[in-house]
């Protein structure tokens, strides 16, 4: 319960293709990847700052 199965993923992919078109999907995926990387970098920097404050 709560997990995504194969059928749900296929339906989501088809809806995304219909809404955005095949040319926009790779661009959207690239932007999502950049956002995730920026979030991870910000989280890492925040943890390093907290560790530096704790040691000081």
N, C-alpha and C. Protein backbone atom coordinates (compact mmCIF):
# COMPACT_ATOMS: atom_id res chain seq x y z
N UNK A 1 0.84 -1.17 0.00
CA UNK A 1 0.00 0.00 0.00
C UNK A 1 0.88 1.24 0.00
N UNK A 2 0.65 2.13 -0.92
CA UNK A 2 1.43 3.36 -0.97
C UNK A 2 2.58 3.30 -1.96
N UNK A 3 2.92 2.13 -2.46
CA UNK A 3 4.01 2.00 -3.42
C UNK A 3 3.51 2.18 -4.84
N UNK A 4 4.43 2.53 -5.72
CA UNK A 4 4.08 2.67 -7.13
C UNK A 4 4.44 1.38 -7.85
N UNK A 5 3.47 0.83 -8.55
CA UNK A 5 3.70 -0.36 -9.35
C UNK A 5 4.02 0.01 -10.78
N UNK A 6 4.26 -1.00 -11.58
CA UNK A 6 4.61 -0.79 -12.98
C UNK A 6 3.49 -0.09 -13.74
N UNK A 7 2.26 -0.48 -13.48
CA UNK A 7 1.13 0.12 -14.18
C UNK A 7 1.02 1.61 -13.88
N UNK A 8 1.19 1.98 -12.61
CA UNK A 8 1.10 3.38 -12.24
C UNK A 8 2.19 4.22 -12.89
N UNK A 9 3.40 3.67 -12.95
CA UNK A 9 4.52 4.38 -13.57
C UNK A 9 4.27 4.58 -15.06
N UNK A 10 3.74 3.57 -15.72
CA UNK A 10 3.43 3.68 -17.15
C UNK A 10 2.36 4.73 -17.39
N UNK A 11 1.33 4.75 -16.56
CA UNK A 11 0.26 5.75 -16.71
C UNK A 11 0.81 7.15 -16.50
N UNK A 12 1.65 7.34 -15.50
CA UNK A 12 2.26 8.65 -15.25
C UNK A 12 3.12 9.07 -16.44
N UNK A 13 3.89 8.15 -17.00
CA UNK A 13 4.73 8.46 -18.16
C UNK A 13 3.90 8.87 -19.37
N UNK A 14 2.81 8.16 -19.61
CA UNK A 14 1.94 8.49 -20.75
C UNK A 14 1.30 9.86 -20.56
N UNK A 15 0.83 10.15 -19.35
CA UNK A 15 0.23 11.45 -19.08
C UNK A 15 1.27 12.56 -19.26
N UNK A 16 2.49 12.33 -18.80
CA UNK A 16 3.56 13.33 -18.96
C UNK A 16 3.85 13.57 -20.44
N UNK A 17 3.88 12.52 -21.24
CA UNK A 17 4.11 12.69 -22.68
C UNK A 17 3.00 13.49 -23.33
N UNK A 18 1.77 13.23 -22.91
CA UNK A 18 0.64 13.95 -23.49
C UNK A 18 0.68 15.42 -23.09
N UNK A 19 0.98 15.70 -21.82
CA UNK A 19 0.96 17.08 -21.33
C UNK A 19 2.14 17.89 -21.85
N UNK A 20 3.34 17.33 -21.82
CA UNK A 20 4.55 18.10 -22.12
C UNK A 20 5.10 17.86 -23.52
N UNK A 21 4.80 16.75 -24.11
CA UNK A 21 5.35 16.42 -25.42
C UNK A 21 6.71 15.77 -25.27
N UNK A 22 7.12 15.03 -26.28
CA UNK A 22 8.38 14.28 -26.18
C UNK A 22 9.63 15.16 -26.17
N UNK A 23 9.53 16.40 -26.65
CA UNK A 23 10.71 17.26 -26.69
C UNK A 23 11.00 17.91 -25.34
N UNK A 24 9.99 18.09 -24.52
CA UNK A 24 10.17 18.77 -23.23
C UNK A 24 10.58 17.82 -22.11
N UNK A 25 10.33 16.53 -22.25
CA UNK A 25 10.61 15.58 -21.17
C UNK A 25 12.11 15.54 -20.82
N UNK A 26 13.04 15.42 -21.78
CA UNK A 26 14.46 15.41 -21.40
C UNK A 26 14.91 16.71 -20.74
N UNK A 27 14.39 17.83 -21.22
CA UNK A 27 14.73 19.12 -20.61
C UNK A 27 14.23 19.19 -19.17
N UNK A 28 13.01 18.71 -18.95
CA UNK A 28 12.43 18.68 -17.61
C UNK A 28 13.24 17.77 -16.69
N UNK A 29 13.65 16.61 -17.19
CA UNK A 29 14.44 15.68 -16.39
C UNK A 29 15.80 16.29 -16.03
N UNK A 30 16.40 17.00 -16.97
CA UNK A 30 17.69 17.65 -16.70
C UNK A 30 17.54 18.70 -15.61
N UNK A 31 16.49 19.49 -15.67
CA UNK A 31 16.25 20.51 -14.65
C UNK A 31 15.99 19.88 -13.28
N UNK A 32 15.27 18.78 -13.26
CA UNK A 32 15.03 18.08 -11.99
C UNK A 32 16.34 17.55 -11.42
N UNK A 33 17.20 17.02 -12.27
CA UNK A 33 18.50 16.54 -11.81
C UNK A 33 19.35 17.65 -11.24
N UNK A 34 19.34 18.80 -11.90
CA UNK A 34 20.08 19.95 -11.38
C UNK A 34 19.53 20.39 -10.03
N UNK A 35 18.22 20.41 -9.90
CA UNK A 35 17.60 20.82 -8.64
C UNK A 35 17.97 19.86 -7.50
N UNK A 36 17.97 18.57 -7.79
CA UNK A 36 18.34 17.59 -6.77
C UNK A 36 19.80 17.77 -6.38
N UNK A 37 20.67 17.98 -7.36
CA UNK A 37 22.09 18.19 -7.05
C UNK A 37 22.30 19.45 -6.23
N UNK A 38 21.60 20.52 -6.55
CA UNK A 38 21.71 21.76 -5.77
C UNK A 38 21.21 21.54 -4.34
N UNK A 39 20.13 20.79 -4.19
CA UNK A 39 19.61 20.50 -2.86
C UNK A 39 20.61 19.69 -2.05
N UNK A 40 21.20 18.67 -2.66
CA UNK A 40 22.19 17.85 -1.96
C UNK A 40 23.41 18.67 -1.56
N UNK A 41 23.87 19.55 -2.47
CA UNK A 41 25.01 20.39 -2.17
C UNK A 41 24.70 21.33 -1.02
N UNK A 42 23.52 21.94 -1.04
CA UNK A 42 23.11 22.83 0.03
C UNK A 42 23.00 22.11 1.36
N UNK A 43 22.47 20.90 1.34
CA UNK A 43 22.36 20.10 2.55
C UNK A 43 23.74 19.75 3.09
N UNK A 44 24.65 19.37 2.20
CA UNK A 44 26.01 19.03 2.62
C UNK A 44 26.71 20.25 3.21
N UNK A 45 26.57 21.41 2.54
CA UNK A 45 27.18 22.64 3.05
C UNK A 45 26.61 23.01 4.42
N UNK A 46 25.31 22.83 4.58
CA UNK A 46 24.68 23.13 5.87
C UNK A 46 25.17 22.22 6.97
N UNK A 47 25.34 20.94 6.66
CA UNK A 47 25.86 20.01 7.66
C UNK A 47 27.29 20.33 8.03
N UNK A 48 28.10 20.73 7.03
CA UNK A 48 29.49 21.10 7.31
C UNK A 48 29.55 22.36 8.18
N UNK A 49 28.67 23.32 7.91
CA UNK A 49 28.62 24.54 8.71
C UNK A 49 28.23 24.22 10.15
N UNK A 50 27.25 23.33 10.31
CA UNK A 50 26.83 22.95 11.66
C UNK A 50 27.95 22.23 12.41
N UNK A 51 28.68 21.38 11.70
CA UNK A 51 29.79 20.66 12.34
C UNK A 51 30.90 21.64 12.74
N UNK A 52 31.15 22.65 11.89
CA UNK A 52 32.19 23.64 12.20
C UNK A 52 31.78 24.48 13.41
N UNK A 53 30.51 24.83 13.52
CA UNK A 53 30.02 25.61 14.66
C UNK A 53 30.08 24.78 15.94
N UNK A 54 29.81 23.49 15.82
CA UNK A 54 29.83 22.62 16.98
C UNK A 54 31.25 22.45 17.51
N UNK A 55 32.23 22.37 16.60
CA UNK A 55 33.62 22.20 17.01
C UNK A 55 34.20 23.48 17.58
N UNK A 56 33.69 24.62 17.20
CA UNK A 56 34.24 25.90 17.65
C UNK A 56 33.80 26.27 19.03
